[in-house]
Protein backbone atom coordinates (compact mmCIF):
# COMPACT_ATOMS: atom_id res chain seq x y z
CA MET A 1 7.00 -16.43 8.44
CA LYS A 2 5.43 -16.24 11.84
CA LEU A 3 1.79 -15.38 12.38
CA MET A 4 -0.13 -14.22 15.31
CA VAL A 5 -3.49 -16.10 14.79
CA ILE A 6 -6.81 -14.92 16.15
CA GLY A 7 -9.99 -17.01 15.46
CA LEU A 8 -13.30 -15.30 15.92
CA GLY A 9 -16.56 -17.08 16.42
CA GLN A 10 -17.03 -20.81 16.25
CA CYS A 11 -15.74 -21.27 12.71
CA GLY A 12 -12.72 -18.99 13.34
CA GLY A 13 -12.00 -20.72 16.66
CA ARG A 14 -11.92 -24.16 15.06
CA LEU A 15 -9.67 -22.90 12.21
CA ALA A 16 -7.32 -21.36 14.82
CA ASP A 17 -7.28 -24.74 16.56
CA GLU A 18 -6.26 -26.35 13.26
CA PHE A 19 -3.41 -23.75 12.82
CA VAL A 20 -2.15 -24.75 16.26
CA ARG A 21 -1.98 -28.39 15.02
CA LEU A 22 -0.13 -27.16 11.90
CA HIS A 23 2.35 -25.36 14.18
CA GLU A 24 2.85 -28.43 16.24
CA ARG A 25 3.57 -30.44 13.07
CA ALA A 26 6.04 -27.79 11.99
CA ARG A 27 7.86 -28.00 15.41
CA SER A 28 7.88 -31.81 15.33
CA PHE A 29 9.03 -32.47 11.77
CA ARG A 30 10.70 -29.35 10.61
CA LYS A 31 11.94 -27.87 13.99
CA VAL A 32 10.60 -24.50 13.22
CA ASP A 33 7.94 -22.13 14.75
CA ILE A 34 5.27 -20.67 12.44
CA LEU A 35 3.06 -19.13 15.01
CA THR A 36 3.82 -16.62 17.76
CA GLY A 37 0.47 -17.34 19.42
CA ALA A 38 -3.05 -18.56 18.69
CA PHE A 39 -6.27 -17.21 20.35
CA ALA A 40 -9.89 -18.02 20.05
CA VAL A 41 -12.30 -15.18 20.72
CA ASP A 42 -16.07 -15.83 21.09
CA THR A 43 -19.22 -14.48 22.58
CA ASP A 44 -20.43 -18.06 23.12
CA ALA A 45 -18.51 -19.85 25.93
CA SER A 46 -19.72 -23.29 24.93
CA SER A 47 -18.01 -22.95 21.46
CA LEU A 48 -14.71 -22.39 23.14
CA ARG A 49 -15.09 -25.59 25.20
CA GLY A 50 -15.23 -27.53 22.02
CA LEU A 51 -11.61 -26.65 21.02
CA ALA A 52 -8.76 -29.27 21.40
CA SER A 53 -5.42 -27.56 20.79
CA ILE A 54 -5.65 -23.87 21.82
CA LYS A 55 -4.50 -23.38 25.41
CA ALA A 56 -7.38 -22.74 27.89
CA LYS A 57 -5.89 -19.32 28.76
CA HIS A 58 -5.99 -18.32 25.12
CA ARG A 59 -9.77 -18.82 24.86
CA LEU A 60 -11.46 -15.52 25.39
CA VAL A 61 -15.08 -14.92 26.02
CA ILE A 62 -16.17 -11.35 25.36
CA GLY A 63 -19.38 -9.60 25.90
CA GLU A 64 -20.59 -11.62 28.80
CA ASN A 65 -22.38 -8.72 30.42
CA LYS A 66 -24.50 -8.48 27.20
CA THR A 67 -24.83 -12.06 26.16
CA LYS A 68 -24.21 -14.03 29.40
CA GLY A 69 -21.74 -16.09 27.37
CA ARG A 70 -24.43 -17.46 25.13
CA GLY A 71 -23.51 -15.85 21.89
CA VAL A 72 -24.90 -12.90 19.89
CA GLY A 73 -27.56 -14.91 17.96
CA LYS A 74 -26.19 -13.86 14.52
CA GLN A 75 -26.50 -10.16 15.45
CA ALA A 76 -23.36 -8.70 13.87
CA ALA A 77 -24.18 -5.28 15.16
CA LEU A 78 -24.13 -6.52 18.75
CA ALA A 79 -20.95 -8.32 18.17
CA ALA A 80 -19.29 -5.18 16.64
CA GLN A 81 -20.45 -3.18 19.68
CA ILE A 82 -18.92 -5.79 21.98
CA ALA A 83 -15.62 -5.75 20.10
CA ARG A 84 -15.41 -1.97 20.22
CA GLU A 85 -15.91 -2.09 24.08
CA GLU A 86 -13.81 -5.14 24.84
CA GLY A 87 -11.34 -5.27 21.94
CA PHE A 88 -8.69 -4.14 24.39
CA LYS A 89 -8.97 -7.56 26.13
CA VAL A 90 -7.95 -9.24 22.88
CA ILE A 91 -5.04 -6.82 22.33
CA ASP A 92 -3.82 -7.32 25.93
CA ALA A 93 -4.05 -11.13 25.75
CA ILE A 94 -2.03 -11.35 22.54
CA ARG A 95 0.60 -8.98 23.83
CA GLN A 96 1.31 -11.38 26.70
CA SER A 97 2.55 -13.95 24.24
CA LYS A 98 6.25 -14.54 24.72
CA GLN A 99 6.95 -14.47 21.02
CA PHE A 100 4.63 -11.54 20.24
CA ALA A 101 7.47 -9.30 19.06
CA GLU A 102 8.44 -11.91 16.50
CA SER A 103 5.09 -11.71 14.71
CA ASP A 104 5.35 -10.93 10.97
CA ALA A 105 1.63 -10.44 10.63
CA PHE A 106 -1.75 -10.83 12.29
CA LEU A 107 -4.12 -13.43 10.77
CA LEU A 108 -7.80 -13.13 11.73
CA LEU A 109 -10.06 -16.10 10.94
CA GLY A 110 -13.81 -16.33 10.80
CA GLY A 111 -16.88 -17.47 9.09
CA THR A 112 -18.66 -14.55 7.32
CA ALA A 113 -22.20 -15.76 8.12
CA GLY A 114 -21.85 -15.95 11.89
CA GLY A 115 -22.69 -12.94 13.98
CA THR A 116 -19.59 -12.95 16.18
CA ALA A 117 -17.07 -13.11 13.29
CA ALA A 118 -18.97 -10.82 10.97
CA GLY A 119 -19.20 -8.09 13.63
CA CYS A 120 -15.87 -8.58 15.44
CA MET A 121 -13.38 -9.36 12.59
CA PRO A 122 -13.55 -5.88 11.02
CA VAL A 123 -13.46 -4.07 14.41
CA ILE A 124 -10.45 -6.14 15.65
CA ALA A 125 -8.68 -5.58 12.35
CA GLU A 126 -9.23 -1.91 12.72
CA ILE A 127 -7.91 -1.85 16.25
CA LEU A 128 -4.88 -3.73 15.30
CA LYS A 129 -4.23 -1.36 12.33
CA GLU A 130 -4.44 1.64 14.67
CA ARG A 131 -2.19 0.08 17.37
CA TYR A 132 0.44 -1.52 15.06
CA ARG A 133 0.59 0.62 11.91
CA ASP A 134 3.64 -1.06 10.49
CA GLN A 135 2.23 -4.58 10.92
CA ALA A 136 0.24 -6.40 8.21
CA VAL A 137 -3.24 -7.59 9.12
CA PHE A 138 -4.58 -10.53 6.98
CA GLY A 139 -7.84 -12.30 7.12
CA ILE A 140 -9.23 -15.68 6.25
CA CYS A 141 -12.88 -15.21 5.43
CA VAL A 142 -14.86 -18.43 5.06
CA LEU A 143 -18.02 -18.03 2.93
CA PRO A 144 -21.25 -19.70 3.91
CA PHE A 145 -22.38 -23.00 2.54
CA GLU A 146 -25.10 -22.98 -0.16
CA HIS A 147 -27.74 -24.18 2.33
CA GLU A 148 -26.87 -21.40 4.83
CA GLU A 149 -27.33 -18.78 2.19
CA ALA A 150 -30.76 -20.17 1.34
CA LEU A 151 -31.95 -20.75 4.95
CA GLU A 152 -31.58 -17.28 6.32
CA LYS A 153 -31.29 -13.81 4.87
CA ILE A 154 -29.20 -12.78 7.87
CA ASN A 155 -26.40 -15.06 6.75
CA VAL A 156 -26.18 -13.17 3.47
CA GLU A 157 -26.36 -9.80 5.27
CA ASN A 158 -23.57 -10.75 7.74
CA THR A 159 -21.40 -11.95 4.85
CA THR A 160 -22.08 -8.66 2.92
CA HIS A 161 -20.99 -6.62 5.90
CA CYS A 162 -17.96 -8.76 6.77
CA LEU A 163 -16.59 -8.73 3.24
CA ARG A 164 -17.02 -5.05 2.69
CA SER A 165 -15.50 -4.15 6.01
CA ALA A 166 -12.62 -6.65 5.65
CA LYS A 167 -11.74 -5.02 2.36
CA VAL A 168 -11.41 -1.71 4.18
CA ASN A 169 -9.57 -2.87 7.33
CA MET A 170 -7.36 -5.72 6.19
CA ASP A 171 -4.29 -5.73 4.00
CA ALA A 172 -5.25 -8.97 2.22
CA VAL A 173 -8.24 -11.27 2.53
CA PHE A 174 -7.98 -15.01 1.83
CA LEU A 175 -11.34 -16.05 0.46
CA ILE A 176 -12.50 -19.62 1.22
CA GLU A 177 -15.32 -21.25 -0.56
CA ASN A 178 -16.66 -23.73 1.98
CA GLN A 179 -18.81 -25.53 -0.46
CA ARG A 180 -15.83 -26.66 -2.62
CA TYR A 181 -14.50 -28.92 0.27
CA VAL A 182 -17.75 -30.77 1.05
CA LYS A 183 -17.54 -34.53 0.60
CA LYS A 184 -20.49 -36.81 0.23
CA GLY A 185 -20.76 -39.87 2.40
CA MET A 186 -19.20 -38.24 5.46
CA SER A 187 -20.87 -37.07 8.60
CA TRP A 188 -21.28 -33.28 9.15
CA SER A 189 -18.66 -33.18 12.02
CA ALA A 190 -16.23 -35.17 9.90
CA ASN A 191 -16.80 -32.89 6.91
CA ILE A 192 -16.05 -29.78 9.00
CA ALA A 193 -12.82 -31.31 10.44
CA GLU A 194 -11.63 -32.11 6.89
CA ILE A 195 -12.62 -28.75 5.59
CA ASN A 196 -10.54 -27.01 8.35
CA LYS A 197 -7.50 -29.18 7.45
CA ALA A 198 -8.02 -28.34 3.78
CA ILE A 199 -8.14 -24.63 4.56
CA ALA A 200 -5.04 -24.51 6.86
CA GLY A 201 -2.93 -27.17 5.06
CA PRO A 202 -1.77 -24.94 2.08
CA PHE A 203 -0.10 -22.53 4.46
CA TYR A 204 2.20 -25.18 5.90
CA SER A 205 5.24 -25.10 3.60
CA LEU A 206 4.76 -21.36 2.83
CA LEU A 207 5.19 -20.59 6.53
CA CYS A 208 7.89 -23.11 7.18
CA ALA A 209 10.21 -22.32 4.29
CA GLY A 210 11.38 -18.89 5.58
CA GLU A 211 12.00 -20.22 9.04
CA GLU A 212 14.23 -23.03 8.15
CA LYS A 213 17.41 -23.42 10.13
CA LYS A 214 18.90 -26.58 8.63
CA ARG A 215 21.27 -25.62 5.78
CA SER A 216 20.27 -28.41 3.50
CA HIS A 217 16.62 -27.27 3.66
CA ILE A 218 17.26 -23.67 2.69
CA GLY A 219 16.43 -23.07 -1.00
CA VAL A 220 18.40 -21.13 -3.52
CA GLY A 221 15.44 -18.83 -3.97
CA MET A 222 14.02 -18.70 -0.52
CA LEU A 223 10.61 -17.01 0.06
CA ALA A 224 11.23 -14.84 3.10
CA ALA A 225 8.46 -13.25 5.10
CA SER A 226 9.26 -9.94 3.47
CA ASP A 227 8.58 -11.47 0.06
CA ILE A 228 5.23 -12.94 1.07
CA LEU A 229 4.12 -9.72 2.81
CA GLN A 230 4.82 -7.74 -0.46
CA MET A 231 2.91 -10.14 -2.67
CA LEU A 232 -0.37 -10.04 -0.69
CA SER A 233 -3.00 -7.50 -1.13
CA GLY A 234 -6.77 -7.30 -1.45
CA TRP A 235 -8.75 -10.41 -2.44
CA THR A 236 -6.57 -13.43 -2.33
CA ALA A 237 -6.73 -17.19 -3.11
CA ILE A 238 -4.45 -20.00 -2.12
CA GLY A 239 -3.98 -23.48 -3.55
CA TYR A 240 -1.81 -26.61 -3.05
CA GLY A 241 -1.01 -29.47 -5.19
CA LYS A 242 1.30 -32.54 -5.07
CA THR A 243 2.61 -35.29 -7.27
CA LEU A 244 4.30 -38.49 -6.04
CA ILE A 245 7.69 -39.26 -7.53
CA PRO A 246 9.78 -42.48 -7.30
CA LEU A 247 12.21 -42.52 -4.42
CA ILE A 248 14.57 -44.55 -6.74
CA THR A 249 15.36 -43.30 -10.20
CA MET A 250 15.68 -46.04 -12.80
CA PRO A 251 17.89 -45.91 -15.89
CA TRP A 252 14.98 -45.68 -18.27
CA ASP A 253 13.39 -42.70 -16.47
CA LYS A 254 13.27 -39.82 -18.92
CA GLU A 255 14.97 -36.43 -18.31
CA GLY A 256 12.40 -33.72 -17.77
CA ASP A 257 10.06 -35.97 -15.90
CA GLU A 258 10.31 -33.58 -12.89
CA ASN A 259 8.83 -30.89 -15.11
CA MET A 260 5.81 -33.01 -15.89
CA SER A 261 5.48 -33.79 -12.20
CA GLY A 262 5.80 -30.21 -11.26
CA ARG A 263 3.19 -29.27 -13.99
CA LYS A 264 0.76 -31.82 -12.50
CA ALA A 265 1.32 -30.36 -9.01
CA MET A 266 0.88 -26.81 -10.29
CA ASP A 267 -2.35 -27.80 -12.11
CA GLU A 268 -3.74 -29.39 -8.95
CA ALA A 269 -2.85 -26.27 -6.92
CA ILE A 270 -4.71 -24.03 -9.46
CA SER A 271 -7.75 -26.37 -9.56
CA GLU A 272 -7.84 -26.54 -5.81
CA LEU A 273 -7.65 -22.70 -5.22
CA SER A 274 -9.61 -21.78 -2.16
CA ILE A 275 -12.10 -19.85 -4.30
CA GLN A 276 -12.97 -20.01 -7.96
CA CYS A 277 -11.42 -17.03 -9.75
CA ASP A 278 -10.29 -15.55 -13.09
CA THR A 279 -6.56 -16.01 -12.72
CA LYS A 280 -5.94 -13.53 -15.49
CA THR A 281 -7.12 -10.63 -13.29
CA ALA A 282 -4.60 -11.30 -10.46
CA THR A 283 -2.07 -8.55 -10.08
CA LYS A 284 0.28 -10.45 -7.72
CA ALA A 285 1.36 -14.11 -7.45
CA LEU A 286 3.84 -16.35 -5.80
CA TYR A 287 4.63 -20.01 -5.88
CA LEU A 288 6.76 -22.32 -3.77
CA VAL A 289 7.93 -25.70 -4.97
CA SER A 290 8.98 -28.33 -2.44
CA ALA A 291 10.80 -31.46 -3.48
CA PRO A 292 14.07 -33.43 -3.00
CA GLU A 293 16.90 -31.13 -3.77
CA LYS A 294 17.99 -33.16 -6.97
CA GLU A 295 14.49 -32.75 -8.32
CA ILE A 296 14.55 -28.96 -8.20
CA GLY A 297 16.39 -27.81 -11.17
CA THR A 298 16.65 -24.58 -13.17
CA ASP A 299 14.34 -26.04 -15.82
CA LEU A 300 11.63 -26.83 -13.22
CA ILE A 301 11.67 -23.37 -11.63
CA LYS A 302 11.63 -21.79 -15.04
CA PHE A 303 8.86 -24.13 -16.27
CA LEU A 304 6.57 -23.34 -13.30
CA GLY A 305 7.17 -19.62 -13.53
CA GLU A 306 6.29 -19.55 -17.29
CA TYR A 307 3.24 -21.69 -16.62
CA LEU A 308 2.05 -19.42 -13.87
CA LYS A 309 2.65 -16.35 -16.05
CA SER A 310 0.58 -17.92 -18.76
CA ILE A 311 -2.54 -18.07 -16.66
CA ALA A 312 -1.82 -14.79 -14.68
CA PRO A 313 -0.28 -12.62 -17.34
CA GLU A 314 -0.83 -9.30 -15.37
CA ALA A 315 0.66 -10.55 -12.19
CA SER A 316 4.05 -9.75 -10.80
CA ILE A 317 5.44 -13.15 -9.69
CA ARG A 318 7.83 -14.23 -7.03
CA TYR A 319 8.89 -17.82 -6.32
CA GLY A 320 10.90 -19.94 -3.96
CA ASP A 321 12.22 -23.43 -3.66
CA TYR A 322 12.17 -25.63 -0.50
CA PRO A 323 14.45 -28.70 -0.78
CA ILE A 324 12.89 -30.86 1.89
CA GLU A 325 10.14 -33.21 0.68
CA LYS A 326 10.86 -36.96 0.00
CA GLY A 327 8.97 -38.85 -2.57
CA LEU A 328 6.92 -35.92 -3.93
CA ILE A 329 6.90 -32.63 -5.56
CA ASP A 330 4.38 -30.17 -4.04
CA VAL A 331 3.50 -26.65 -5.12
CA THR A 332 1.91 -23.86 -3.12
CA VAL A 333 0.29 -21.05 -5.21
CA VAL A 334 -1.01 -17.69 -4.04
CA LEU A 335 -2.88 -15.39 -6.31
CA SER A 336 -3.54 -11.95 -4.87
CA GLY A 337 -4.63 -8.40 -5.77
CA PHE A 338 -7.80 -9.33 -7.54
CA PRO A 339 -9.84 -6.28 -8.29
CA VAL A 340 -12.96 -8.41 -7.88
CA ILE A 341 -13.91 -12.05 -7.66
CA GLU A 342 -17.21 -13.09 -9.20
CA ARG A 343 -18.31 -15.25 -6.31
CA ILE A 344 -18.33 -12.32 -3.85
CA LYS A 345 -19.53 -9.68 -6.38
CA PRO A 346 -23.20 -9.93 -5.33
CA TYR A 347 -22.23 -9.20 -1.70
CA LEU A 348 -20.02 -6.24 -2.52
CA GLU A 349 -22.68 -4.71 -4.86
CA ALA A 350 -25.62 -5.16 -2.41
CA GLN A 351 -27.33 -1.85 -1.67
CA GLY A 352 -25.12 -0.20 -4.28
CA LYS A 353 -22.45 1.40 -1.96
CA GLU A 354 -19.63 0.71 0.36
CA PRO A 355 -20.33 1.01 4.12
CA GLN A 356 -18.33 2.91 6.67
CA ALA A 357 -15.43 0.96 8.15
CA SER A 358 -16.72 -1.42 10.73
CA ALA A 359 -20.35 -0.24 10.32
CA PRO A 360 -22.51 -3.41 10.99
CA PRO A 361 -26.03 -4.05 9.79
CA ALA A 362 -28.71 -2.81 12.19
CA PRO A 363 -29.76 -5.31 14.88
CA ALA A 364 -33.25 -6.74 14.90
CA GLU A 365 -35.62 -4.84 17.09
């Protein structure tokens, strides 16, 4: 599956930068392309200068006539206005990508508390849906840290607007609970770098599997882009887990050990979902198991499917196998189509009604 990635605001730009590194890893180790382009869009020019992997020509400053390139100061309304007036610049830029026509979907990235992302993400999504009606538009919405919610009311207001509008304008929204990835004993910058890796990492095998060209790496049940697109809708969570397995099988190793290893990987993937959720309420699900070919047996595929069905009984489930890894079994799980997720319920119920598509909160006087 190939994505056109657009990061909005500082958080979104850094995440897009991480997806570029994921793409470079896919090209180096698996000889496949998983991105058709990656762009960072911001109202603050200094944030773009902090990126490492996105090409300079793919770093776009918008709204300079209003902000002088110094950002919107958390004013989502101003960011939305800028996106409406200059969104065409983003569209024109991504269309210049050589592989644009190969895009299976657009993926917008951003932190919901920031003004630029909260204001721009819904508007850019709306423009993309209008221009490319047959193309899926997905989002990765990164929720604020606990301390951010406590520090400023505007962080909550921006998140409320962003989530409500994302639900209207995007086909599926991957929700990311920032707080879950925080590690003690690390600097703030190191934490942010590790969090971005943790957010992007689970997409790696999922995107690579359907692009494989090497015959020995193509699974019996391949998860093609069309499968993934059909299994994504509404609020969505993604998780990844892995279990090391011996490179050499000994005579006393028990049959069925791969099932136990697969179960451990699946358990980890569920426990590491990007947001805490009631799995029983998911209406769609998919899983991808990657392991040495000899470890992917019918029993393992069946076992993982039955296990996922036991925790997501209402979900339609698709699966795939990816015979590529050495020395480990890993599992990627996506649960989608949640009617509601408790963590974001307070945002969605704030003020008691849904807003108009792309209607931002009023700017401060």
